[in-house]
Amino acid sequence: MSATRLLVLGVVRGYGRAHGYLIGNDLMSWGAGEWANVKWGSIYHALKQLTKDGCLSDETVPPGRTDYVVTPAGEAEFGRLLRDALRKPETRPDQLGASLALLPALTRAEAVALCAERLAALEARRDAAREQGAGWADPPHVAELFGLWEHSAAAGAEWTRGLLRRLESGAYPMAGEPGSPGAPGSWAILKLE
């Protein structure tokens, strides 16, 4: 999965209608160039590919700017990408970062359920790595790899437990709650006229 694809869909969805420069400015202001390796070229490539895939529709508006709108297929793709990025612990942190940036698009109950799935997967990954390391004999230095995996999964599980506690205690306005920036077109404060 591409974090750029998720982020571009999320920004267009957030505004309801957006052009490439607005999308890029938002993503760069979030630091996505560092944590998701988003570049200007990858944003425009994602816009073209998402349009080709039927996830976005495009319209040229004077003075020659192209605006994008999420289609129903794009809304479904956004939801799938967001849920998978939150639920599945991947070795690349960009997808989790993208899901956190767009977290308010989910209801609180759904975010909690997806984080619980993530936690269970991380705990299983931690336990499997511990078992593999304990049973490893030759060459002995390879056991360090299993130790790294165990430590990484344990740290991810601890962080996920904290996120679950924060969500369960009402942190962050989520979809359907007052003040949530999660509904399509809800980023009105940031909208360009």
C-alpha atoms as a PDB file:
ATOM      1  CA  MET A   1       0.000   0.000   0.000  1.00  0.00           C
ATOM      2  CA  SER A   2       1.156   3.509  -0.695  1.00  0.00           C
ATOM      3  CA  ALA A   3       1.027   6.036   2.130  1.00  0.00           C
ATOM      4  CA  THR A   4       1.010   8.761  -0.537  1.00  0.00           C
ATOM      5  CA  ARG A   5      -2.144   7.295  -2.070  1.00  0.00           C
ATOM      6  CA  LEU A   6      -3.885   7.310   1.323  1.00  0.00           C
ATOM      7  CA  LEU A   7      -2.701  10.807   2.193  1.00  0.00           C
ATOM      8  CA  VAL A   8      -3.727  12.317  -1.154  1.00  0.00           C
ATOM      9  CA  LEU A   9      -7.175  10.743  -0.951  1.00  0.00           C
ATOM     10  CA  GLY A  10      -7.479  11.928   2.654  1.00  0.00           C
ATOM     11  CA  VAL A  11      -6.596  15.541   1.889  1.00  0.00           C
ATOM     12  CA  VAL A  12      -8.913  15.742  -1.137  1.00  0.00           C
ATOM     13  CA  ARG A  13     -11.636  14.116   0.954  1.00  0.00           C
ATOM     14  CA  GLY A  14     -11.021  16.518   3.827  1.00  0.00           C
ATOM     15  CA  TYR A  15     -11.449  19.586   1.644  1.00  0.00           C
ATOM     16  CA  GLY A  16     -14.173  18.089  -0.539  1.00  0.00           C
ATOM     17  CA  ARG A  17     -12.387  19.589  -3.540  1.00  0.00           C
ATOM     18  CA  ALA A  18      -8.673  20.335  -3.835  1.00  0.00           C
ATOM     19  CA  HIS A  19      -5.929  21.037  -6.351  1.00  0.00           C
ATOM     20  CA  GLY A  20      -2.417  19.598  -6.376  1.00  0.00           C
ATOM     21  CA  TYR A  21      -0.676  22.619  -4.887  1.00  0.00           C
ATOM     22  CA  LEU A  22      -3.055  22.749  -1.920  1.00  0.00           C
ATOM     23  CA  ILE A  23      -2.622  19.015  -1.318  1.00  0.00           C
ATOM     24  CA  GLY A  24       1.155  19.302  -1.523  1.00  0.00           C
ATOM     25  CA  ASN A  25       1.301  22.306   0.794  1.00  0.00           C
ATOM     26  CA  ASP A  26      -0.763  20.488   3.417  1.00  0.00           C
ATOM     27  CA  LEU A  27       1.301  17.308   3.246  1.00  0.00           C
ATOM     28  CA  MET A  28       4.600  19.172   3.345  1.00  0.00           C
ATOM     29  CA  SER A  29       3.408  21.259   6.316  1.00  0.00           C
ATOM     30  CA  TRP A  30       2.678  17.967   8.125  1.00  0.00           C
ATOM     31  CA  GLY A  31       6.287  16.861   7.522  1.00  0.00           C
ATOM     32  CA  ALA A  32       5.108  13.988   5.289  1.00  0.00           C
ATOM     33  CA  GLY A  33       8.223  14.425   3.184  1.00  0.00           C
ATOM     34  CA  GLU A  34      10.210  12.997   6.095  1.00  0.00           C
ATOM     35  CA  TRP A  35       7.919  10.399   7.669  1.00  0.00           C
ATOM     36  CA  ALA A  36       6.139   9.179   4.519  1.00  0.00           C
ATOM     37  CA  ASN A  37       8.717  10.065   1.830  1.00  0.00           C
ATOM     38  CA  VAL A  38       6.085  12.179   0.044  1.00  0.00           C
ATOM     39  CA  LYS A  39       7.521  14.323  -2.736  1.00  0.00           C
ATOM     40  CA  TRP A  40       5.823  16.801  -5.038  1.00  0.00           C
ATOM     41  CA  GLY A  41       6.230  14.407  -7.952  1.00  0.00           C
ATOM     42  CA  SER A  42       4.686  11.521  -6.024  1.00  0.00           C
ATOM     43  CA  ILE A  43       1.677  13.690  -5.170  1.00  0.00           C
ATOM     44  CA  TYR A  44       1.003  14.515  -8.819  1.00  0.00           C
ATOM     45  CA  HIS A  45       1.634  10.900  -9.819  1.00  0.00           C
ATOM     46  CA  ALA A  46      -0.873   9.763  -7.173  1.00  0.00           C
ATOM     47  CA  LEU A  47      -3.445  12.295  -8.429  1.00  0.00           C
ATOM     48  CA  LYS A  48      -3.103  10.983 -11.992  1.00  0.00           C
ATOM     49  CA  GLN A  49      -3.224   7.337 -10.925  1.00  0.00           C
ATOM     50  CA  LEU A  50      -6.171   7.844  -8.568  1.00  0.00           C
ATOM     51  CA  THR A  51      -8.041   9.627 -11.358  1.00  0.00           C
ATOM     52  CA  LYS A  52      -7.200   6.804 -13.785  1.00  0.00           C
ATOM     53  CA  ASP A  53      -8.379   4.262 -11.181  1.00  0.00           C
ATOM     54  CA  GLY A  54     -11.718   6.092 -10.794  1.00  0.00           C
ATOM     55  CA  CYS A  55     -11.031   7.161  -7.192  1.00  0.00           C
ATOM     56  CA  LEU A  56     -10.905  10.862  -8.082  1.00  0.00           C
ATOM     57  CA  SER A  57     -12.632  12.953 -10.700  1.00  0.00           C
ATOM     58  CA  ASP A  58     -10.862  15.969 -12.098  1.00  0.00           C
ATOM     59  CA  GLU A  59     -12.078  19.269 -13.478  1.00  0.00           C
ATOM     60  CA  THR A  60     -10.133  22.115 -15.020  1.00  0.00           C
ATOM     61  CA  VAL A  61     -11.113  25.453 -13.526  1.00  0.00           C
ATOM     62  CA  PRO A  62      -9.943  28.877 -14.653  1.00  0.00           C
ATOM     63  CA  PRO A  63      -7.158  29.894 -14.917  1.00  0.00           C
ATOM     64  CA  GLY A  64      -6.112  26.366 -15.918  1.00  0.00           C
ATOM     65  CA  ARG A  65      -5.967  24.724 -12.491  1.00  0.00           C
ATOM     66  CA  THR A  66      -7.157  21.128 -12.010  1.00  0.00           C
ATOM     67  CA  ASP A  67      -9.368  20.428  -9.009  1.00  0.00           C
ATOM     68  CA  TYR A  68     -10.016  16.911  -7.724  1.00  0.00           C
ATOM     69  CA  VAL A  69     -13.022  15.387  -5.963  1.00  0.00           C
ATOM     70  CA  VAL A  70     -13.248  11.953  -4.319  1.00  0.00           C
ATOM     71  CA  THR A  71     -15.643   9.598  -6.119  1.00  0.00           C
ATOM     72  CA  PRO A  72     -17.668   6.871  -4.369  1.00  0.00           C
ATOM     73  CA  ALA A  73     -14.972   4.392  -5.440  1.00  0.00           C
ATOM     74  CA  GLY A  74     -12.391   6.729  -3.940  1.00  0.00           C
ATOM     75  CA  GLU A  75     -14.306   6.929  -0.673  1.00  0.00           C
ATOM     76  CA  ALA A  76     -14.307   3.122  -0.512  1.00  0.00           C
ATOM     77  CA  GLU A  77     -10.579   2.990  -1.336  1.00  0.00           C
ATOM     78  CA  PHE A  78      -9.814   5.658   1.276  1.00  0.00           C
ATOM     79  CA  GLY A  79     -11.688   3.676   3.924  1.00  0.00           C
ATOM     80  CA  ARG A  80      -9.942   0.436   2.986  1.00  0.00           C
ATOM     81  CA  LEU A  81      -6.476   2.004   2.998  1.00  0.00           C
ATOM     82  CA  LEU A  82      -7.078   3.851   6.274  1.00  0.00           C
ATOM     83  CA  ARG A  83      -8.415   0.785   8.075  1.00  0.00           C
ATOM     84  CA  ASP A  84      -5.631  -1.481   6.810  1.00  0.00           C
ATOM     85  CA  ALA A  85      -2.935   1.034   7.769  1.00  0.00           C
ATOM     86  CA  LEU A  86      -4.257   1.291  11.321  1.00  0.00           C
ATOM     87  CA  ARG A  87      -5.002  -2.395  11.874  1.00  0.00           C
ATOM     88  CA  LYS A  88      -1.919  -4.021  10.295  1.00  0.00           C
ATOM     89  CA  PRO A  89       1.495  -3.486  11.841  1.00  0.00           C
ATOM     90  CA  GLU A  90       3.856  -3.041   8.920  1.00  0.00           C
ATOM     91  CA  THR A  91       7.596  -2.682   9.049  1.00  0.00           C
ATOM     92  CA  ARG A  92       7.349   0.702   7.296  1.00  0.00           C
ATOM     93  CA  PRO A  93       6.091   3.470   9.590  1.00  0.00           C
ATOM     94  CA  ASP A  94       4.728   5.656   6.765  1.00  0.00           C
ATOM     95  CA  GLN A  95       1.427   3.829   6.569  1.00  0.00           C
ATOM     96  CA  LEU A  96       0.775   4.082  10.292  1.00  0.00           C
ATOM     97  CA  GLY A  97       1.739   7.760  10.120  1.00  0.00           C
ATOM     98  CA  ALA A  98      -0.753   8.317   7.308  1.00  0.00           C
ATOM     99  CA  SER A  99      -3.508   6.564   9.264  1.00  0.00           C
ATOM    100  CA  LEU A 100      -2.797   8.695  12.334  1.00  0.00           C
ATOM    101  CA  ALA A 101      -2.892  11.903  10.277  1.00  0.00           C
ATOM    102  CA  LEU A 102      -6.357  10.915   9.028  1.00  0.00           C
ATOM    103  CA  LEU A 103      -7.614   9.131  12.176  1.00  0.00           C
ATOM    104  CA  PRO A 104     -10.676  11.390  12.755  1.00  0.00           C
ATOM    105  CA  ALA A 105     -12.256   9.967   9.576  1.00  0.00           C
ATOM    106  CA  LEU A 106     -13.089   6.894  11.674  1.00  0.00           C
ATOM    107  CA  THR A 107     -15.662   6.651  14.419  1.00  0.00           C
ATOM    108  CA  ARG A 108     -14.231   6.211  17.891  1.00  0.00           C
ATOM    109  CA  ALA A 109     -15.574   2.658  18.138  1.00  0.00           C
ATOM    110  CA  GLU A 110     -14.028   1.665  14.823  1.00  0.00           C
ATOM    111  CA  ALA A 111     -10.653   3.247  15.667  1.00  0.00           C
ATOM    112  CA  VAL A 112     -10.628   1.405  19.002  1.00  0.00           C
ATOM    113  CA  ALA A 113     -11.495  -1.915  17.325  1.00  0.00           C
ATOM    114  CA  LEU A 114      -8.783  -1.462  14.665  1.00  0.00           C
ATOM    115  CA  CYS A 115      -6.188  -0.545  17.301  1.00  0.00           C
ATOM    116  CA  ALA A 116      -7.169  -3.633  19.287  1.00  0.00           C
ATOM    117  CA  GLU A 117      -6.515  -5.733  16.152  1.00  0.00           C
ATOM    118  CA  ARG A 118      -3.149  -4.000  15.742  1.00  0.00           C
ATOM    119  CA  LEU A 119      -2.275  -4.686  19.391  1.00  0.00           C
ATOM    120  CA  ALA A 120      -3.120  -8.396  19.068  1.00  0.00           C
ATOM    121  CA  ALA A 121      -1.000  -8.688  15.912  1.00  0.00           C
ATOM    122  CA  LEU A 122       1.950  -6.934  17.562  1.00  0.00           C
ATOM    123  CA  GLU A 123       1.743  -9.124  20.655  1.00  0.00           C
ATOM    124  CA  ALA A 124       1.655 -12.250  18.469  1.00  0.00           C
ATOM    125  CA  ARG A 125       4.639 -10.944  16.491  1.00  0.00           C
ATOM    126  CA  ARG A 126       6.535 -10.237  19.733  1.00  0.00           C
ATOM    127  CA  ASP A 127       5.842 -13.717  21.109  1.00  0.00           C
ATOM    128  CA  ALA A 128       6.833 -15.437  17.846  1.00  0.00           C
ATOM    129  CA  ALA A 129      10.122 -13.537  17.706  1.00  0.00           C
ATOM    130  CA  ARG A 130      10.841 -14.424  21.357  1.00  0.00           C
ATOM    131  CA  GLU A 131      10.251 -18.121  20.588  1.00  0.00           C
ATOM    132  CA  GLN A 132      12.405 -18.030  17.479  1.00  0.00           C
ATOM    133  CA  GLY A 133      15.244 -16.317  19.328  1.00  0.00           C
ATOM    134  CA  ALA A 134      15.101 -18.714  22.251  1.00  0.00           C
ATOM    135  CA  GLY A 135      15.342 -21.701  19.911  1.00  0.00           C
ATOM    136  CA  TRP A 136      18.091 -20.303  17.692  1.00  0.00           C
ATOM    137  CA  ALA A 137      21.545 -21.882  17.874  1.00  0.00           C
ATOM    138  CA  ASP A 138      23.727 -21.394  14.810  1.00  0.00           C
ATOM    139  CA  PRO A 139      25.085 -18.970  13.809  1.00  0.00           C
ATOM    140  CA  PRO A 140      24.575 -17.391  17.230  1.00  0.00           C
ATOM    141  CA  HIS A 141      24.651 -13.746  16.103  1.00  0.00           C
ATOM    142  CA  VAL A 142      21.438 -14.237  14.094  1.00  0.00           C
ATOM    143  CA  ALA A 143      19.575 -14.430  17.412  1.00  0.00           C
ATOM    144  CA  GLU A 144      20.063 -10.631  17.556  1.00  0.00           C
ATOM    145  CA  LEU A 145      17.665 -10.329  14.623  1.00  0.00           C
ATOM    146  CA  PHE A 146      14.925 -12.087  16.587  1.00  0.00           C
ATOM    147  CA  GLY A 147      15.725  -9.879  19.573  1.00  0.00           C
ATOM    148  CA  LEU A 148      15.310  -6.788  17.407  1.00  0.00           C
ATOM    149  CA  TRP A 149      11.958  -8.031  16.111  1.00  0.00           C
ATOM    150  CA  GLU A 150      10.789  -8.862  19.635  1.00  0.00           C
ATOM    151  CA  HIS A 151      11.828  -5.443  20.933  1.00  0.00           C
ATOM    152  CA  SER A 152      10.224  -3.587  18.001  1.00  0.00           C
ATOM    153  CA  ALA A 153       6.944  -5.470  18.348  1.00  0.00           C
ATOM    154  CA  ALA A 154       6.920  -4.965  22.135  1.00  0.00           C
ATOM    155  CA  ALA A 155       7.510  -1.217  21.737  1.00  0.00           C
ATOM    156  CA  GLY A 156       4.768  -1.025  19.090  1.00  0.00           C
ATOM    157  CA  ALA A 157       2.393  -2.899  21.381  1.00  0.00           C
ATOM    158  CA  GLU A 158       3.112  -0.540  24.278  1.00  0.00           C
ATOM    159  CA  TRP A 159       2.502   2.535  22.107  1.00  0.00           C
ATOM    160  CA  THR A 160      -0.717   0.989  20.739  1.00  0.00           C
ATOM    161  CA  ARG A 161      -1.958   0.319  24.295  1.00  0.00           C
ATOM    162  CA  GLY A 162      -1.446   4.020  25.038  1.00  0.00           C
ATOM    163  CA  LEU A 163      -3.335   5.081  21.914  1.00  0.00           C
ATOM    164  CA  LEU A 164      -6.172   2.736  22.850  1.00  0.00           C
ATOM    165  CA  ARG A 165      -6.364   4.266  26.345  1.00  0.00           C
ATOM    166  CA  ARG A 166      -6.411   7.778  24.890  1.00  0.00           C
ATOM    167  CA  LEU A 167      -9.124   6.931  22.371  1.00  0.00           C
ATOM    168  CA  GLU A 168     -11.212   5.105  24.966  1.00  0.00           C
ATOM    169  CA  SER A 169     -10.965   8.099  27.311  1.00  0.00           C
ATOM    170  CA  GLY A 170     -12.333  10.432  24.630  1.00  0.00           C
ATOM    171  CA  ALA A 171      -9.167  11.999  23.215  1.00  0.00           C
ATOM    172  CA  TYR A 172      -9.482  13.620  19.782  1.00  0.00           C
ATOM    173  CA  PRO A 173     -12.808  14.435  18.118  1.00  0.00           C
ATOM    174  CA  MET A 174     -13.644  11.465  15.908  1.00  0.00           C
ATOM    175  CA  ALA A 175     -16.101  11.023  13.012  1.00  0.00           C
ATOM    176  CA  GLY A 176     -19.624  11.948  14.050  1.00  0.00           C
ATOM    177  CA  GLU A 177     -18.480  13.880  17.126  1.00  0.00           C
ATOM    178  CA  PRO A 178     -18.564  17.670  17.547  1.00  0.00           C
ATOM    179  CA  GLY A 179     -15.470  19.380  16.156  1.00  0.00           C
ATOM    180  CA  SER A 180     -14.246  16.366  14.208  1.00  0.00           C
ATOM    181  CA  PRO A 181     -12.338  17.116  11.002  1.00  0.00           C
ATOM    182  CA  GLY A 182     -13.221  13.629   9.759  1.00  0.00           C
ATOM    183  CA  ALA A 183     -16.261  14.217   7.548  1.00  0.00           C
ATOM    184  CA  PRO A 184     -15.769  14.742   3.810  1.00  0.00           C
ATOM    185  CA  GLY A 185     -15.496  18.441   3.043  1.00  0.00           C
ATOM    186  CA  SER A 186     -15.162  19.387   6.716  1.00  0.00           C
ATOM    187  CA  TRP A 187     -11.834  21.192   6.435  1.00  0.00           C
ATOM    188  CA  ALA A 188     -13.668  24.471   5.835  1.00  0.00           C
ATOM    189  CA  ILE A 189     -11.269  26.607   7.888  1.00  0.00           C
ATOM    190  CA  LEU A 190      -8.420  25.676   5.576  1.00  0.00           C
ATOM    191  CA  LYS A 191     -10.395  25.875   2.308  1.00  0.00           C
ATOM    192  CA  LEU A 192      -9.256  28.235  -0.374  1.00  0.00           C
ATOM    193  CA  GLU A 193     -11.989  30.422  -1.748  1.00  0.00           C
END
